[in-house]
């Protein structure tokens, strides 16, 4: 029996120049053979509907309910803990996925949400987040990814900014995206499968591969996106398989 698949998006199904070669055909084959899958992403630069639109434009046969994002995980986490008023550090477009929370821009929030602001991270924004956390707000990280691939080079992701705020405040952020166990378990739950009946496919050694392995999911590393041979050799993370690209997942 073919395992269910958990597929990373950026760097795995597509890059900033379009769909990975052979990726759309591979996903089409999954659909044709009724092999269940979910798309797991740490992307917080656009809402889930925007991610779906991008996938459809690239030719992928994917449905909205098959995309899991850390924004929706953050809403569930905050609501479960009574964290109603939140200060979001995400691009404005991504705020569409935070329905159910009261988004504020000042005053004292119950929580700060740390996403991928990229070049929009400024000293003023870091200072605002720092003051909110030191005043008692919980720190919720949508991602801790170190870097991603953009325009042919590695680019800082959300993780370094989360780490900076943790260092400054002396407090640990709660991670709701990959590689948190809860995020992977939610994906497994939506598919109705056990960890050993699934495979994670991604380009991030820590969020995709190590994160999946920690909850018992075999993980395959693709040589696309942010893949670097040196990082694989020195990371200490050992994928179950290293494959050229997502094009070979449907064997």
Protein backbone atom coordinates (compact mmCIF):
# COMPACT_ATOMS: atom_id res chain seq x y z
CA UNK A 1 0.00 0.00 0.00
CA UNK A 2 1.36 3.43 -0.94
CA UNK A 3 1.80 5.71 2.07
CA UNK A 4 -0.05 8.99 2.45
CA UNK A 5 2.15 11.94 1.58
CA UNK A 6 2.85 15.17 3.42
CA UNK A 7 4.25 17.66 0.92
CA UNK A 8 6.13 20.86 1.66
CA UNK A 9 5.35 23.74 -0.71
CA UNK A 10 8.09 26.34 -1.22
CA UNK A 11 11.25 24.62 -2.42
CA UNK A 12 9.46 21.31 -2.91
CA UNK A 13 6.41 21.79 -5.14
CA UNK A 14 7.53 25.17 -6.43
CA UNK A 15 10.24 27.80 -6.22
CA UNK A 16 10.12 31.53 -6.88
CA UNK A 17 10.40 30.84 -10.63
CA UNK A 18 7.49 28.38 -10.87
CA UNK A 19 6.54 24.74 -10.39
CA UNK A 20 9.33 22.22 -9.88
CA UNK A 21 9.83 20.24 -13.09
CA UNK A 22 7.61 17.17 -13.07
CA UNK A 23 5.85 18.22 -9.88
CA UNK A 24 2.39 18.79 -11.33
CA UNK A 25 2.46 15.42 -13.08
CA UNK A 26 3.48 13.70 -9.83
CA UNK A 27 0.60 15.25 -7.89
CA UNK A 28 -1.81 14.46 -10.74
CA UNK A 29 -0.75 10.83 -10.46
CA UNK A 30 -1.38 10.86 -6.71
CA UNK A 31 -4.88 12.14 -7.42
CA UNK A 32 -5.51 9.59 -10.18
CA UNK A 33 -4.38 6.70 -7.97
CA UNK A 34 -6.34 7.97 -4.92
CA UNK A 35 -3.19 8.37 -2.86
CA UNK A 36 -4.07 10.82 -0.06
CA UNK A 37 -1.84 13.83 0.60
CA UNK A 38 -1.65 17.10 2.47
CA UNK A 39 0.42 20.20 1.77
CA UNK A 40 2.22 21.37 4.91
CA UNK A 41 3.78 24.79 4.73
CA UNK A 42 5.37 27.27 7.11
CA UNK A 43 4.71 30.09 4.65
CA UNK A 44 3.08 33.10 6.32
CA UNK A 45 3.63 35.63 3.54
CA UNK A 46 0.17 35.01 2.05
CA UNK A 47 -3.15 33.49 3.16
CA UNK A 48 -4.15 29.90 2.49
CA UNK A 49 -6.40 31.04 -0.38
CA UNK A 50 -3.41 32.79 -1.89
CA UNK A 51 -1.32 29.64 -1.63
CA UNK A 52 -4.08 27.68 -3.35
CA UNK A 53 -4.25 30.27 -6.13
CA UNK A 54 -0.50 29.98 -6.67
CA UNK A 55 -0.64 26.19 -6.81
CA UNK A 56 -3.53 26.26 -9.28
CA UNK A 57 -1.73 28.79 -11.49
CA UNK A 58 1.26 26.46 -11.58
CA UNK A 59 -1.01 23.60 -12.66
CA UNK A 60 -1.30 21.64 -9.41
CA UNK A 61 -4.50 19.73 -8.67
CA UNK A 62 -4.85 20.74 -5.01
CA UNK A 63 -7.88 21.71 -2.89
CA UNK A 64 -8.06 24.30 -0.14
CA UNK A 65 -8.75 21.74 2.60
CA UNK A 66 -5.54 19.91 1.64
CA UNK A 67 -3.35 22.87 2.65
CA UNK A 68 -2.29 23.19 6.29
CA UNK A 69 -0.70 26.44 7.45
CA UNK A 70 0.72 27.65 10.77
CA UNK A 71 -1.75 30.56 10.80
CA UNK A 72 -4.72 28.24 11.25
CA UNK A 73 -2.72 26.30 13.86
CA UNK A 74 -2.05 29.57 15.70
CA UNK A 75 -5.77 30.39 15.81
CA UNK A 76 -6.57 26.98 17.29
CA UNK A 77 -3.75 27.30 19.82
CA UNK A 78 -4.75 30.79 20.96
CA UNK A 79 -8.44 29.98 21.19
CA UNK A 80 -7.77 26.85 23.24
CA UNK A 81 -5.79 28.93 25.74
CA UNK A 82 -8.04 31.97 25.88
CA UNK A 83 -5.54 34.22 24.11
CA UNK A 84 -8.11 36.44 22.41
CA UNK A 85 -6.30 39.70 21.67
CA UNK A 86 -3.20 39.20 19.56
CA UNK A 87 -0.55 41.42 18.03
CA UNK A 88 0.32 39.87 14.63
CA UNK A 89 3.72 40.20 12.99
CA UNK A 90 2.75 38.78 9.61
CA UNK A 91 2.21 40.40 6.20
CA UNK A 92 -1.18 42.08 6.05
CA UNK A 93 -2.51 39.65 3.44
CA UNK A 94 -1.87 36.72 5.79
CA UNK A 95 -4.11 38.24 8.46
CA UNK A 96 -7.08 36.81 6.53
CA UNK A 97 -6.25 33.41 8.07
CA UNK A 98 -6.44 34.73 11.64
CA UNK A 99 -10.24 34.89 11.75
CA UNK A 100 -11.47 34.21 15.26
CA UNK A 101 -8.83 36.33 16.95
CA UNK A 102 -8.97 40.03 17.74
CA UNK A 103 -6.05 41.63 15.93
CA UNK A 104 -4.67 44.71 17.61
CA UNK A 105 -1.84 47.08 16.74
CA UNK A 106 -1.11 48.55 20.18
CA UNK A 107 -2.05 48.30 23.84
CA UNK A 108 -1.27 45.08 25.74
CA UNK A 109 -2.04 41.88 23.78
CA UNK A 110 -2.58 38.41 25.17
CA UNK A 111 -0.09 37.06 22.61
CA UNK A 112 2.23 38.14 19.84
CA UNK A 113 2.26 36.06 16.65
CA UNK A 114 5.63 35.91 14.92
CA UNK A 115 5.60 35.11 11.22
CA UNK A 116 7.69 35.84 8.17
CA UNK A 117 7.87 39.59 7.65
CA UNK A 118 11.09 39.35 5.67
CA UNK A 119 12.40 42.83 4.88
CA UNK A 120 9.46 44.32 6.78
CA UNK A 121 11.15 43.36 10.04
CA UNK A 122 12.50 46.59 11.50
CA UNK A 123 14.01 47.63 14.81
CA UNK A 124 10.71 49.32 15.66
CA UNK A 125 8.72 46.12 15.10
CA UNK A 126 11.17 43.99 17.05
CA UNK A 127 11.04 46.55 19.86
CA UNK A 128 7.23 46.48 19.85
CA UNK A 129 7.20 42.69 20.08
CA UNK A 130 9.88 42.79 22.79
CA UNK A 131 7.90 45.22 24.94
CA UNK A 132 4.67 43.23 24.54
CA UNK A 133 6.34 39.99 25.63
CA UNK A 134 8.15 41.57 28.57
CA UNK A 135 4.77 43.01 29.64
CA UNK A 136 3.34 39.49 29.81
CA UNK A 137 2.16 38.56 26.32
CA UNK A 138 2.74 34.97 25.21
CA UNK A 139 5.08 34.57 22.24
CA UNK A 140 3.70 32.31 19.49
CA UNK A 141 5.98 31.46 16.56
CA UNK A 142 4.35 30.44 13.31
CA UNK A 143 7.73 29.25 12.06
CA UNK A 144 11.32 28.84 13.21
CA UNK A 145 12.78 28.12 9.76
CA UNK A 146 16.35 29.34 9.43
CA UNK A 147 16.34 30.32 5.78
CA UNK A 148 14.68 29.75 2.41
CA UNK A 149 15.74 29.99 -1.22
CA UNK A 150 14.93 33.20 -3.10
CA UNK A 151 16.36 34.48 -6.35
CA UNK A 152 19.06 31.86 -6.30
CA UNK A 153 20.37 32.56 -2.81
CA UNK A 154 19.60 31.66 0.77
CA UNK A 155 17.52 34.30 2.56
CA UNK A 156 16.78 34.74 6.26
CA UNK A 157 13.44 33.24 7.32
CA UNK A 158 11.40 33.86 10.48
CA UNK A 159 13.53 31.73 12.81
CA UNK A 160 16.38 34.21 13.35
CA UNK A 161 13.90 36.89 14.45
CA UNK A 162 12.13 34.49 16.81
CA UNK A 163 15.50 33.54 18.28
CA UNK A 164 16.44 37.21 18.73
CA UNK A 165 13.25 37.90 20.70
CA UNK A 166 13.70 34.77 22.79
CA UNK A 167 17.24 35.88 23.66
CA UNK A 168 16.16 39.43 24.49
CA UNK A 169 13.12 38.45 26.60
CA UNK A 170 14.53 35.31 28.19
CA UNK A 171 11.28 33.56 27.25
CA UNK A 172 10.67 30.66 24.88
CA UNK A 173 8.22 30.99 22.00
CA UNK A 174 5.58 28.33 21.44
CA UNK A 175 5.99 26.95 17.92
CA UNK A 176 2.78 26.03 16.08
CA UNK A 177 4.13 25.34 12.57
CA UNK A 178 6.68 22.76 11.45
CA UNK A 179 8.54 21.12 13.16
CA UNK A 180 6.07 21.10 16.06
CA UNK A 181 4.64 17.65 16.78
CA UNK A 182 1.11 19.07 16.97
CA UNK A 183 1.32 20.38 13.40
CA UNK A 184 2.35 17.00 12.00
CA UNK A 185 -0.22 15.20 14.15
CA UNK A 186 -2.96 17.49 12.84
CA UNK A 187 -1.99 16.53 9.30
CA UNK A 188 -2.03 12.83 10.17
CA UNK A 189 -5.40 13.28 11.86
CA UNK A 190 -6.89 14.95 8.79
CA UNK A 191 -5.76 11.96 6.72
CA UNK A 192 -6.77 9.37 9.31
CA UNK A 193 -3.40 7.59 9.16
CA UNK A 194 -0.69 6.62 11.64
CA UNK A 195 2.84 8.10 11.41
CA UNK A 196 4.33 4.97 9.85
CA UNK A 197 1.65 5.07 7.12
CA UNK A 198 2.82 8.48 5.88
CA UNK A 199 5.92 10.04 4.32
CA UNK A 200 7.02 13.67 4.63
CA UNK A 201 8.67 15.19 1.56
CA UNK A 202 10.47 18.52 1.88
CA UNK A 203 13.60 20.60 1.39
CA UNK A 204 14.18 21.72 5.00
CA UNK A 205 16.40 19.41 7.04
CA UNK A 206 15.06 20.58 10.38
CA UNK A 207 11.42 21.60 9.88
CA UNK A 208 10.50 18.94 7.32
CA UNK A 209 12.85 16.00 7.87
CA UNK A 210 13.82 16.08 11.54
CA UNK A 211 10.41 17.37 12.60
CA UNK A 212 8.61 14.51 10.87
CA UNK A 213 11.05 11.91 12.17
CA UNK A 214 10.50 13.04 15.75
CA UNK A 215 6.86 11.98 15.53
CA UNK A 216 7.68 8.73 13.74
CA UNK A 217 7.04 9.81 10.15
CA UNK A 218 9.63 8.68 7.56
CA UNK A 219 10.97 11.71 5.67
CA UNK A 220 12.47 12.25 2.24
CA UNK A 221 14.69 15.20 1.43
CA UNK A 222 14.46 16.76 -2.04
CA UNK A 223 17.46 18.29 -3.79
CA UNK A 224 15.46 21.34 -4.83
CA UNK A 225 14.77 24.64 -3.06
CA UNK A 226 17.15 25.35 -0.17
CA UNK A 227 18.94 21.98 -0.40
CA UNK A 228 22.68 22.23 0.19
CA UNK A 229 24.98 19.18 0.20
CA UNK A 230 27.14 20.72 2.93
CA UNK A 231 24.13 21.24 5.23
CA UNK A 232 23.07 17.61 4.75
CA UNK A 233 26.58 16.39 5.52
CA UNK A 234 27.03 18.43 8.70
CA UNK A 235 23.50 18.62 10.14
CA UNK A 236 23.36 15.22 11.76
CA UNK A 237 19.89 14.75 10.23
CA UNK A 238 19.59 11.53 8.21
CA UNK A 239 16.61 11.42 5.81
CA UNK A 240 15.08 8.04 4.95
CA UNK A 241 15.74 8.94 1.32
CA UNK A 242 17.31 11.80 -0.62
CA UNK A 243 15.58 12.29 -3.96
CA UNK A 244 16.25 14.62 -6.85
CA UNK A 245 12.81 16.25 -6.71
CA UNK A 246 9.15 15.77 -5.93
CA UNK A 247 8.76 14.45 -9.49
CA UNK A 248 9.74 10.97 -8.33
CA UNK A 249 7.35 10.61 -5.36
CA UNK A 250 4.65 8.66 -7.24
CA UNK A 251 6.44 5.45 -8.09
